[in-house]
Amino acid sequence: MHLVPAERAHRRAIDEHTVCEAIAGIGDPAGVRAWSELFGLLADPGRLSLLLAVRSAGPIAVSDLALATGISDTAVSQALRLLRAAGAVRAEKEGRVVRYSLSSPRVDMLLANLTAS
């Protein structure tokens, strides 16, 4: 059981090979944490709606997102601030208007798979 961490090596396995495959499948704990945080962003229906709208419409302004999703301008701005801090969207300023687009290939991939089903 070469992949079992030392602190768990004393525990008995039924199938050592399967345990090692399971550990390999889990991968790096930091990667698991990053995916968990990403899924946490997507777990909110409002944020998910915003991301789906941004993905479909391309660069889009806050007021247009609010109109499209039925979420208030203030709530859209707050959600976009969180999504921007997480690296899911980016903002581009055109004069006085700020337009948002997806910036994360991971988010784009997840949304593509979501809408394909």
C-alpha atoms as a PDB file:
ATOM      1  CA  MET A   1       0.000   0.000   0.000  1.00  0.00           C
ATOM      2  CA  HIS A   2       2.560   2.470  -1.212  1.00  0.00           C
ATOM      3  CA  LEU A   3       0.142   5.430  -1.526  1.00  0.00           C
ATOM      4  CA  VAL A   4      -1.369   5.220   1.959  1.00  0.00           C
ATOM      5  CA  PRO A   5      -0.074   8.077   4.146  1.00  0.00           C
ATOM      6  CA  ALA A   6       2.030   7.042   7.130  1.00  0.00           C
ATOM      7  CA  GLU A   7      -0.625   8.110   9.636  1.00  0.00           C
ATOM      8  CA  ARG A   8      -3.052   5.570   8.119  1.00  0.00           C
ATOM      9  CA  ALA A   9      -0.570   2.775   7.360  1.00  0.00           C
ATOM     10  CA  HIS A  10      -1.527   0.834  10.516  1.00  0.00           C
ATOM     11  CA  ARG A  11      -5.100   0.307   9.265  1.00  0.00           C
ATOM     12  CA  ARG A  12      -6.013  -2.957   7.578  1.00  0.00           C
ATOM     13  CA  ALA A  13      -7.145  -2.975   3.946  1.00  0.00           C
ATOM     14  CA  ILE A  14      -9.370  -5.573   2.325  1.00  0.00           C
ATOM     15  CA  ASP A  15      -7.882  -4.920  -1.131  1.00  0.00           C
ATOM     16  CA  GLU A  16      -4.632  -2.956  -1.018  1.00  0.00           C
ATOM     17  CA  HIS A  17      -4.543  -2.423  -4.779  1.00  0.00           C
ATOM     18  CA  THR A  18      -8.043  -0.879  -4.754  1.00  0.00           C
ATOM     19  CA  VAL A  19      -7.068   1.414  -1.873  1.00  0.00           C
ATOM     20  CA  CYS A  20      -4.086   2.696  -3.869  1.00  0.00           C
ATOM     21  CA  GLU A  21      -6.282   3.232  -6.952  1.00  0.00           C
ATOM     22  CA  ALA A  22      -8.776   5.180  -4.821  1.00  0.00           C
ATOM     23  CA  ILE A  23      -6.017   7.374  -3.379  1.00  0.00           C
ATOM     24  CA  ALA A  24      -4.621   8.017  -6.855  1.00  0.00           C
ATOM     25  CA  GLY A  25      -8.132   8.895  -8.060  1.00  0.00           C
ATOM     26  CA  ILE A  26      -8.555  11.474  -5.309  1.00  0.00           C
ATOM     27  CA  GLY A  27      -5.321  13.158  -6.298  1.00  0.00           C
ATOM     28  CA  ASP A  28      -3.693  16.139  -4.675  1.00  0.00           C
ATOM     29  CA  PRO A  29      -5.597  17.485  -1.636  1.00  0.00           C
ATOM     30  CA  ALA A  30      -5.000  21.067  -2.821  1.00  0.00           C
ATOM     31  CA  GLY A  31      -6.629  20.213  -6.142  1.00  0.00           C
ATOM     32  CA  VAL A  32      -9.615  18.667  -4.370  1.00  0.00           C
ATOM     33  CA  ARG A  33      -9.930  21.812  -2.258  1.00  0.00           C
ATOM     34  CA  ALA A  34      -9.794  24.043  -5.369  1.00  0.00           C
ATOM     35  CA  TRP A  35     -12.526  22.032  -7.116  1.00  0.00           C
ATOM     36  CA  SER A  36     -14.616  22.108  -3.939  1.00  0.00           C
ATOM     37  CA  GLU A  37     -14.349  25.900  -3.803  1.00  0.00           C
ATOM     38  CA  LEU A  38     -15.332  26.126  -7.468  1.00  0.00           C
ATOM     39  CA  PHE A  39     -18.364  23.922  -6.898  1.00  0.00           C
ATOM     40  CA  GLY A  40     -19.218  26.134  -3.921  1.00  0.00           C
ATOM     41  CA  LEU A  41     -19.341  29.130  -6.274  1.00  0.00           C
ATOM     42  CA  LEU A  42     -21.639  27.227  -8.604  1.00  0.00           C
ATOM     43  CA  ALA A  43     -23.876  25.978  -5.778  1.00  0.00           C
ATOM     44  CA  ASP A  44     -25.734  29.292  -5.498  1.00  0.00           C
ATOM     45  CA  PRO A  45     -28.589  29.549  -8.058  1.00  0.00           C
ATOM     46  CA  GLY A  46     -28.050  33.291  -8.505  1.00  0.00           C
ATOM     47  CA  ARG A  47     -24.320  32.981  -9.208  1.00  0.00           C
ATOM     48  CA  LEU A  48     -24.929  30.012 -11.477  1.00  0.00           C
ATOM     49  CA  SER A  49     -27.549  31.993 -13.416  1.00  0.00           C
ATOM     50  CA  LEU A  50     -25.132  34.879 -13.785  1.00  0.00           C
ATOM     51  CA  LEU A  51     -22.354  32.618 -15.025  1.00  0.00           C
ATOM     52  CA  LEU A  52     -24.667  30.933 -17.532  1.00  0.00           C
ATOM     53  CA  ALA A  53     -25.801  34.343 -18.793  1.00  0.00           C
ATOM     54  CA  VAL A  54     -22.234  35.640 -19.045  1.00  0.00           C
ATOM     55  CA  ARG A  55     -21.176  32.505 -20.904  1.00  0.00           C
ATOM     56  CA  SER A  56     -24.051  32.859 -23.395  1.00  0.00           C
ATOM     57  CA  ALA A  57     -23.978  36.595 -23.950  1.00  0.00           C
ATOM     58  CA  GLY A  58     -20.261  37.262 -23.910  1.00  0.00           C
ATOM     59  CA  PRO A  59     -19.161  40.566 -22.431  1.00  0.00           C
ATOM     60  CA  ILE A  60     -22.269  41.904 -20.687  1.00  0.00           C
ATOM     61  CA  ALA A  61     -23.005  44.838 -18.366  1.00  0.00           C
ATOM     62  CA  VAL A  62     -24.296  44.531 -14.798  1.00  0.00           C
ATOM     63  CA  SER A  63     -27.654  46.155 -15.588  1.00  0.00           C
ATOM     64  CA  ASP A  64     -28.168  43.798 -18.536  1.00  0.00           C
ATOM     65  CA  LEU A  65     -27.329  40.806 -16.330  1.00  0.00           C
ATOM     66  CA  ALA A  66     -29.810  42.055 -13.739  1.00  0.00           C
ATOM     67  CA  LEU A  67     -32.498  42.360 -16.399  1.00  0.00           C
ATOM     68  CA  ALA A  68     -31.721  38.928 -17.872  1.00  0.00           C
ATOM     69  CA  THR A  69     -31.635  37.092 -14.529  1.00  0.00           C
ATOM     70  CA  GLY A  70     -34.243  39.017 -12.545  1.00  0.00           C
ATOM     71  CA  ILE A  71     -31.680  39.720  -9.825  1.00  0.00           C
ATOM     72  CA  SER A  72     -31.278  43.274  -8.512  1.00  0.00           C
ATOM     73  CA  ASP A  73     -28.381  45.375  -9.800  1.00  0.00           C
ATOM     74  CA  THR A  74     -26.906  45.481  -6.292  1.00  0.00           C
ATOM     75  CA  ALA A  75     -27.076  41.695  -5.849  1.00  0.00           C
ATOM     76  CA  VAL A  76     -25.572  41.175  -9.319  1.00  0.00           C
ATOM     77  CA  SER A  77     -22.696  43.516  -8.477  1.00  0.00           C
ATOM     78  CA  GLN A  78     -22.040  41.715  -5.185  1.00  0.00           C
ATOM     79  CA  ALA A  79     -22.102  38.289  -6.849  1.00  0.00           C
ATOM     80  CA  LEU A  80     -19.834  39.477  -9.666  1.00  0.00           C
ATOM     81  CA  ARG A  81     -17.375  40.856  -7.100  1.00  0.00           C
ATOM     82  CA  LEU A  82     -17.194  37.395  -5.528  1.00  0.00           C
ATOM     83  CA  LEU A  83     -16.928  35.646  -8.910  1.00  0.00           C
ATOM     84  CA  ARG A  84     -14.225  38.085  -9.982  1.00  0.00           C
ATOM     85  CA  ALA A  85     -12.231  37.532  -6.772  1.00  0.00           C
ATOM     86  CA  ALA A  86     -12.448  33.777  -7.410  1.00  0.00           C
ATOM     87  CA  GLY A  87     -11.142  34.248 -10.955  1.00  0.00           C
ATOM     88  CA  ALA A  88     -14.322  33.019 -12.639  1.00  0.00           C
ATOM     89  CA  VAL A  89     -15.078  36.282 -14.477  1.00  0.00           C
ATOM     90  CA  ARG A  90     -13.147  39.329 -15.595  1.00  0.00           C
ATOM     91  CA  ALA A  91     -14.281  42.917 -15.988  1.00  0.00           C
ATOM     92  CA  GLU A  92     -13.517  45.168 -18.921  1.00  0.00           C
ATOM     93  CA  LYS A  93     -14.329  48.841 -18.700  1.00  0.00           C
ATOM     94  CA  GLU A  94     -15.692  50.608 -21.796  1.00  0.00           C
ATOM     95  CA  GLY A  95     -16.113  54.243 -20.847  1.00  0.00           C
ATOM     96  CA  ARG A  96     -18.521  54.224 -17.899  1.00  0.00           C
ATOM     97  CA  VAL A  97     -19.793  50.708 -18.618  1.00  0.00           C
ATOM     98  CA  VAL A  98     -18.147  47.608 -17.140  1.00  0.00           C
ATOM     99  CA  ARG A  99     -18.751  44.389 -19.048  1.00  0.00           C
ATOM    100  CA  TYR A 100     -18.135  40.934 -17.639  1.00  0.00           C
ATOM    101  CA  SER A 101     -16.943  37.794 -19.390  1.00  0.00           C
ATOM    102  CA  LEU A 102     -15.747  34.369 -18.263  1.00  0.00           C
ATOM    103  CA  SER A 103     -12.068  34.166 -17.422  1.00  0.00           C
ATOM    104  CA  SER A 104     -11.801  30.599 -16.131  1.00  0.00           C
ATOM    105  CA  PRO A 105     -11.481  27.686 -18.560  1.00  0.00           C
ATOM    106  CA  ARG A 106     -12.590  25.365 -15.735  1.00  0.00           C
ATOM    107  CA  VAL A 107     -15.818  27.315 -15.220  1.00  0.00           C
ATOM    108  CA  ASP A 108     -16.402  27.437 -18.967  1.00  0.00           C
ATOM    109  CA  MET A 109     -15.911  23.664 -19.223  1.00  0.00           C
ATOM    110  CA  LEU A 110     -18.306  22.964 -16.335  1.00  0.00           C
ATOM    111  CA  LEU A 111     -20.965  25.296 -17.749  1.00  0.00           C
ATOM    112  CA  ALA A 112     -20.582  23.743 -21.219  1.00  0.00           C
ATOM    113  CA  ASN A 113     -21.146  20.286 -19.741  1.00  0.00           C
ATOM    114  CA  LEU A 114     -24.080  21.562 -17.714  1.00  0.00           C
ATOM    115  CA  THR A 115     -25.854  23.059 -20.717  1.00  0.00           C
ATOM    116  CA  ALA A 116     -25.089  20.095 -22.982  1.00  0.00           C
ATOM    117  CA  SER A 117     -27.311  17.758 -20.967  1.00  0.00           C
END
